[in-house]
Amino acid sequence: MTQHPSHHPAQAPSPGPAAGEEGALRLLAVDAEDLDVLAAHLQDAIVRVGDMAFVPAACRFALVGSRFDWQALEEGCKAERARMGLHFEFVTRVARTGFDQSASETVLNVLHIAFEETDAPAGVVTIHFSGGGALRLEVECLEAHMRDLGERWAAAATPAHPVEDAKE
């Protein structure tokens, strides 16, 4: 896999906790409330288009990316990114908008992940990216797994989002 410069700064990554070790984040989402927690940990994650895949025979959608560790920053630690994997089970259909699926080197920034129930327990998971891109996953039921893959490194910058004035 070719590494994009925004994935790894010039300095060497720290080994960090390996998947399954203490300190490595592992999350499971089986309802919208769980997914909100998972989504908060993935806000500002960086994902290459080429690092996402739908496997219809397994009814699985998976991606690998670099999440910004908001929790560590809130706890007074340095700003870091961590390699992570995310997959959704029971996926029956995937649609995309706002980016070219064949542009495998394109880097997307995760803004939010949401679940909307359609015919319980089925529904639609939408992964929103900056710039208006989105993935729409139709699922028989919600089951998402996210885990750190061990590699961590100092973040080049802390993500910031402009706040627009609310008009009443």
C-alpha atoms as a PDB file:
ATOM      1  CA  MET A   1       0.000   0.000   0.000  1.00  0.00           C
ATOM      2  CA  THR A   2       1.330   3.439  -0.899  1.00  0.00           C
ATOM      3  CA  GLN A   3       1.307   5.789   2.061  1.00  0.00           C
ATOM      4  CA  HIS A   4      -0.101   9.265   1.530  1.00  0.00           C
ATOM      5  CA  PRO A   5       1.977  12.057   3.118  1.00  0.00           C
ATOM      6  CA  SER A   6      -0.943  13.101   5.336  1.00  0.00           C
ATOM      7  CA  HIS A   7      -1.050   9.586   6.809  1.00  0.00           C
ATOM      8  CA  HIS A   8       2.505   9.667   8.157  1.00  0.00           C
ATOM      9  CA  PRO A   9       4.555  12.741   8.970  1.00  0.00           C
ATOM     10  CA  ALA A  10       8.315  12.626   8.396  1.00  0.00           C
ATOM     11  CA  GLN A  11       9.000  11.385  11.912  1.00  0.00           C
ATOM     12  CA  ALA A  12       8.859   7.673  12.646  1.00  0.00           C
ATOM     13  CA  PRO A  13       5.614   6.396  14.158  1.00  0.00           C
ATOM     14  CA  SER A  14       5.607   5.178  17.728  1.00  0.00           C
ATOM     15  CA  PRO A  15       4.641   1.549  18.052  1.00  0.00           C
ATOM     16  CA  GLY A  16       1.713   2.391  20.301  1.00  0.00           C
ATOM     17  CA  PRO A  17      -0.435  -0.316  21.795  1.00  0.00           C
ATOM     18  CA  ALA A  18      -0.977  -3.229  19.432  1.00  0.00           C
ATOM     19  CA  ALA A  19      -4.526  -4.249  18.644  1.00  0.00           C
ATOM     20  CA  GLY A  20      -5.903  -6.074  21.667  1.00  0.00           C
ATOM     21  CA  GLU A  21      -3.406  -4.528  24.107  1.00  0.00           C
ATOM     22  CA  GLU A  22      -4.349  -2.143  26.888  1.00  0.00           C
ATOM     23  CA  GLY A  23      -4.712   1.358  25.465  1.00  0.00           C
ATOM     24  CA  ALA A  24      -5.773   0.228  21.995  1.00  0.00           C
ATOM     25  CA  LEU A  25      -9.294   1.424  21.284  1.00  0.00           C
ATOM     26  CA  ARG A  26     -11.855  -1.231  20.307  1.00  0.00           C
ATOM     27  CA  LEU A  27     -15.495  -0.297  19.813  1.00  0.00           C
ATOM     28  CA  LEU A  28     -18.651  -2.167  18.816  1.00  0.00           C
ATOM     29  CA  ALA A  29     -21.810  -0.382  17.665  1.00  0.00           C
ATOM     30  CA  VAL A  30     -25.141  -2.203  17.465  1.00  0.00           C
ATOM     31  CA  ASP A  31     -27.498   0.772  17.721  1.00  0.00           C
ATOM     32  CA  ALA A  32     -27.557   4.484  16.840  1.00  0.00           C
ATOM     33  CA  GLU A  33     -26.367   5.522  20.309  1.00  0.00           C
ATOM     34  CA  ASP A  34     -23.349   3.203  20.077  1.00  0.00           C
ATOM     35  CA  LEU A  35     -22.623   4.506  16.585  1.00  0.00           C
ATOM     36  CA  ASP A  36     -22.616   8.093  17.890  1.00  0.00           C
ATOM     37  CA  VAL A  37     -19.805   7.134  20.309  1.00  0.00           C
ATOM     38  CA  LEU A  38     -17.869   5.349  17.549  1.00  0.00           C
ATOM     39  CA  ALA A  39     -18.395   8.321  15.203  1.00  0.00           C
ATOM     40  CA  ALA A  40     -17.016  10.753  17.790  1.00  0.00           C
ATOM     41  CA  HIS A  41     -13.780   8.741  17.881  1.00  0.00           C
ATOM     42  CA  LEU A  42     -13.589   8.758  14.080  1.00  0.00           C
ATOM     43  CA  GLN A  43     -14.270  12.458  13.522  1.00  0.00           C
ATOM     44  CA  ASP A  44     -11.434  13.814  11.351  1.00  0.00           C
ATOM     45  CA  ALA A  45     -10.164  10.339  10.450  1.00  0.00           C
ATOM     46  CA  ILE A  46      -8.260  10.297   7.158  1.00  0.00           C
ATOM     47  CA  VAL A  47      -9.157   7.539   4.694  1.00  0.00           C
ATOM     48  CA  ARG A  48      -7.826   6.836   1.198  1.00  0.00           C
ATOM     49  CA  VAL A  49     -10.482   5.816  -1.331  1.00  0.00           C
ATOM     50  CA  GLY A  50      -8.293   2.820  -2.203  1.00  0.00           C
ATOM     51  CA  ASP A  51      -8.405   1.663   1.429  1.00  0.00           C
ATOM     52  CA  MET A  52     -12.180   1.070   1.380  1.00  0.00           C
ATOM     53  CA  ALA A  53     -13.853  -2.092   0.113  1.00  0.00           C
ATOM     54  CA  PHE A  54     -17.287  -3.688  -0.111  1.00  0.00           C
ATOM     55  CA  VAL A  55     -17.246  -7.492  -0.104  1.00  0.00           C
ATOM     56  CA  PRO A  56     -20.765  -8.476  -1.227  1.00  0.00           C
ATOM     57  CA  ALA A  57     -20.249 -12.228  -0.666  1.00  0.00           C
ATOM     58  CA  ALA A  58     -19.439 -11.527   3.007  1.00  0.00           C
ATOM     59  CA  CYS A  59     -21.981  -8.676   3.336  1.00  0.00           C
ATOM     60  CA  ARG A  60     -19.147  -6.543   4.743  1.00  0.00           C
ATOM     61  CA  PHE A  61     -17.845  -3.039   4.120  1.00  0.00           C
ATOM     62  CA  ALA A  62     -14.396  -2.257   5.519  1.00  0.00           C
ATOM     63  CA  LEU A  63     -11.911   0.572   5.561  1.00  0.00           C
ATOM     64  CA  VAL A  64      -8.536   1.378   7.065  1.00  0.00           C
ATOM     65  CA  GLY A  65      -7.529   4.897   7.993  1.00  0.00           C
ATOM     66  CA  SER A  66      -5.823   7.201  10.458  1.00  0.00           C
ATOM     67  CA  ARG A  67      -7.974   8.554  13.253  1.00  0.00           C
ATOM     68  CA  PHE A  68      -7.195  11.679  15.239  1.00  0.00           C
ATOM     69  CA  ASP A  69      -7.123  10.732  18.937  1.00  0.00           C
ATOM     70  CA  TRP A  70      -9.475  13.342  20.395  1.00  0.00           C
ATOM     71  CA  GLN A  71      -9.699  11.507  23.736  1.00  0.00           C
ATOM     72  CA  ALA A  72      -5.935  11.618  24.330  1.00  0.00           C
ATOM     73  CA  LEU A  73      -5.883  15.330  23.502  1.00  0.00           C
ATOM     74  CA  GLU A  74      -8.728  15.997  25.966  1.00  0.00           C
ATOM     75  CA  GLU A  75      -6.778  14.103  28.631  1.00  0.00           C
ATOM     76  CA  GLY A  76      -3.813  16.446  28.163  1.00  0.00           C
ATOM     77  CA  CYS A  77      -1.677  14.167  25.996  1.00  0.00           C
ATOM     78  CA  LYS A  78      -0.034  15.237  22.761  1.00  0.00           C
ATOM     79  CA  ALA A  79      -2.027  15.308  19.529  1.00  0.00           C
ATOM     80  CA  GLU A  80      -1.680  11.915  17.859  1.00  0.00           C
ATOM     81  CA  ARG A  81      -3.097   9.869  15.042  1.00  0.00           C
ATOM     82  CA  ALA A  82      -3.600   6.111  15.166  1.00  0.00           C
ATOM     83  CA  ARG A  83      -4.076   3.540  12.411  1.00  0.00           C
ATOM     84  CA  MET A  84      -7.503   2.008  12.702  1.00  0.00           C
ATOM     85  CA  GLY A  85      -9.745  -0.447  10.952  1.00  0.00           C
ATOM     86  CA  LEU A  86     -13.521  -0.140  10.693  1.00  0.00           C
ATOM     87  CA  HIS A  87     -15.970  -2.632   9.272  1.00  0.00           C
ATOM     88  CA  PHE A  88     -19.728  -2.938   9.018  1.00  0.00           C
ATOM     89  CA  GLU A  89     -21.462  -6.319   8.890  1.00  0.00           C
ATOM     90  CA  PHE A  90     -24.769  -7.246   7.186  1.00  0.00           C
ATOM     91  CA  VAL A  91     -24.244  -4.698   4.386  1.00  0.00           C
ATOM     92  CA  THR A  92     -26.463  -5.353   1.371  1.00  0.00           C
ATOM     93  CA  ARG A  93     -25.677  -2.334  -0.798  1.00  0.00           C
ATOM     94  CA  VAL A  94     -23.165   0.531  -0.942  1.00  0.00           C
ATOM     95  CA  ALA A  95     -23.559   3.817  -2.804  1.00  0.00           C
ATOM     96  CA  ARG A  96     -21.202   6.793  -2.920  1.00  0.00           C
ATOM     97  CA  THR A  97     -21.514  10.435  -3.826  1.00  0.00           C
ATOM     98  CA  GLY A  98     -19.071  13.334  -4.069  1.00  0.00           C
ATOM     99  CA  PHE A  99     -15.871  11.411  -4.901  1.00  0.00           C
ATOM    100  CA  ASP A 100     -14.513   9.201  -7.663  1.00  0.00           C
ATOM    101  CA  GLN A 101     -14.260   5.571  -6.572  1.00  0.00           C
ATOM    102  CA  SER A 102     -11.532   4.896  -9.165  1.00  0.00           C
ATOM    103  CA  ALA A 103      -9.289   7.674  -7.731  1.00  0.00           C
ATOM    104  CA  SER A 104      -7.704   5.332  -5.173  1.00  0.00           C
ATOM    105  CA  GLU A 105      -5.162   7.912  -3.914  1.00  0.00           C
ATOM    106  CA  THR A 106      -7.848  10.497  -3.065  1.00  0.00           C
ATOM    107  CA  VAL A 107      -7.863  11.212   0.667  1.00  0.00           C
ATOM    108  CA  LEU A 108     -11.178  11.755   2.442  1.00  0.00           C
ATOM    109  CA  ASN A 109     -11.759  13.290   5.866  1.00  0.00           C
ATOM    110  CA  VAL A 110     -14.539  11.742   7.985  1.00  0.00           C
ATOM    111  CA  LEU A 111     -16.913  14.310   9.470  1.00  0.00           C
ATOM    112  CA  HIS A 112     -19.669  12.121  10.896  1.00  0.00           C
ATOM    113  CA  ILE A 113     -21.244   8.679  10.763  1.00  0.00           C
ATOM    114  CA  ALA A 114     -24.988   8.295  11.264  1.00  0.00           C
ATOM    115  CA  PHE A 115     -27.581   5.503  11.275  1.00  0.00           C
ATOM    116  CA  GLU A 116     -31.188   5.871  10.195  1.00  0.00           C
ATOM    117  CA  GLU A 117     -33.484   2.925  10.822  1.00  0.00           C
ATOM    118  CA  THR A 118     -35.765   2.161   7.866  1.00  0.00           C
ATOM    119  CA  ASP A 119     -37.499  -1.174   8.519  1.00  0.00           C
ATOM    120  CA  ALA A 120     -36.314  -2.299  11.971  1.00  0.00           C
ATOM    121  CA  PRO A 121     -33.718  -3.560  12.443  1.00  0.00           C
ATOM    122  CA  ALA A 122     -32.611  -2.624   8.897  1.00  0.00           C
ATOM    123  CA  GLY A 123     -31.424   0.854   8.041  1.00  0.00           C
ATOM    124  CA  VAL A 124     -28.891   3.072   6.359  1.00  0.00           C
ATOM    125  CA  VAL A 125     -25.452   4.040   7.655  1.00  0.00           C
ATOM    126  CA  THR A 126     -24.115   7.252   6.128  1.00  0.00           C
ATOM    127  CA  ILE A 127     -20.450   8.163   6.401  1.00  0.00           C
ATOM    128  CA  HIS A 128     -20.116  11.893   5.708  1.00  0.00           C
ATOM    129  CA  PHE A 129     -16.818  13.321   4.417  1.00  0.00           C
ATOM    130  CA  SER A 130     -15.635  16.925   4.185  1.00  0.00           C
ATOM    131  CA  GLY A 131     -16.253  18.462   0.771  1.00  0.00           C
ATOM    132  CA  GLY A 132     -19.715  16.909   0.516  1.00  0.00           C
ATOM    133  CA  GLY A 133     -18.736  13.300  -0.175  1.00  0.00           C
ATOM    134  CA  ALA A 134     -20.628  10.460   1.452  1.00  0.00           C
ATOM    135  CA  LEU A 135     -21.003   6.699   1.559  1.00  0.00           C
ATOM    136  CA  ARG A 136     -24.427   5.147   2.038  1.00  0.00           C
ATOM    137  CA  LEU A 137     -24.457   1.596   3.416  1.00  0.00           C
ATOM    138  CA  GLU A 138     -27.747  -0.270   3.430  1.00  0.00           C
ATOM    139  CA  VAL A 139     -27.662  -2.761   6.309  1.00  0.00           C
ATOM    140  CA  GLU A 140     -29.923  -5.590   7.484  1.00  0.00           C
ATOM    141  CA  CYS A 141     -29.058  -4.489  11.025  1.00  0.00           C
ATOM    142  CA  LEU A 142     -26.387  -2.262  12.536  1.00  0.00           C
ATOM    143  CA  GLU A 143     -23.134  -3.913  13.539  1.00  0.00           C
ATOM    144  CA  ALA A 144     -19.929  -1.893  13.296  1.00  0.00           C
ATOM    145  CA  HIS A 145     -16.506  -2.812  14.660  1.00  0.00           C
ATOM    146  CA  MET A 146     -13.622  -0.333  15.034  1.00  0.00           C
ATOM    147  CA  ARG A 147     -10.190  -1.079  16.433  1.00  0.00           C
ATOM    148  CA  ASP A 148      -6.813   0.567  16.607  1.00  0.00           C
ATOM    149  CA  LEU A 149      -4.199  -1.316  14.631  1.00  0.00           C
ATOM    150  CA  GLY A 150      -1.274  -0.280  16.836  1.00  0.00           C
ATOM    151  CA  GLU A 151       0.688   2.321  14.896  1.00  0.00           C
ATOM    152  CA  ARG A 152       0.566   5.864  16.361  1.00  0.00           C
ATOM    153  CA  TRP A 153       2.403   9.082  15.523  1.00  0.00           C
ATOM    154  CA  ALA A 154       2.376  12.762  16.430  1.00  0.00           C
ATOM    155  CA  ALA A 155      -0.266  14.627  14.457  1.00  0.00           C
ATOM    156  CA  ALA A 156       1.020  17.384  12.179  1.00  0.00           C
ATOM    157  CA  ALA A 157      -1.884  19.596  13.323  1.00  0.00           C
ATOM    158  CA  THR A 158      -5.048  19.514  15.385  1.00  0.00           C
ATOM    159  CA  PRO A 159      -8.122  19.536  13.135  1.00  0.00           C
ATOM    160  CA  ALA A 160     -10.266  22.650  13.417  1.00  0.00           C
ATOM    161  CA  HIS A 161     -13.719  23.306  12.050  1.00  0.00           C
ATOM    162  CA  PRO A 162     -15.071  26.785  11.427  1.00  0.00           C
ATOM    163  CA  VAL A 163     -18.217  27.522  13.376  1.00  0.00           C
ATOM    164  CA  GLU A 164     -20.872  29.354  11.382  1.00  0.00           C
ATOM    165  CA  ASP A 165     -23.053  31.846  13.181  1.00  0.00           C
ATOM    166  CA  ALA A 166     -26.542  30.487  13.671  1.00  0.00           C
ATOM    167  CA  LYS A 167     -29.180  32.719  12.136  1.00  0.00           C
ATOM    168  CA  GLU A 168     -32.424  32.907  13.986  1.00  0.00           C
END
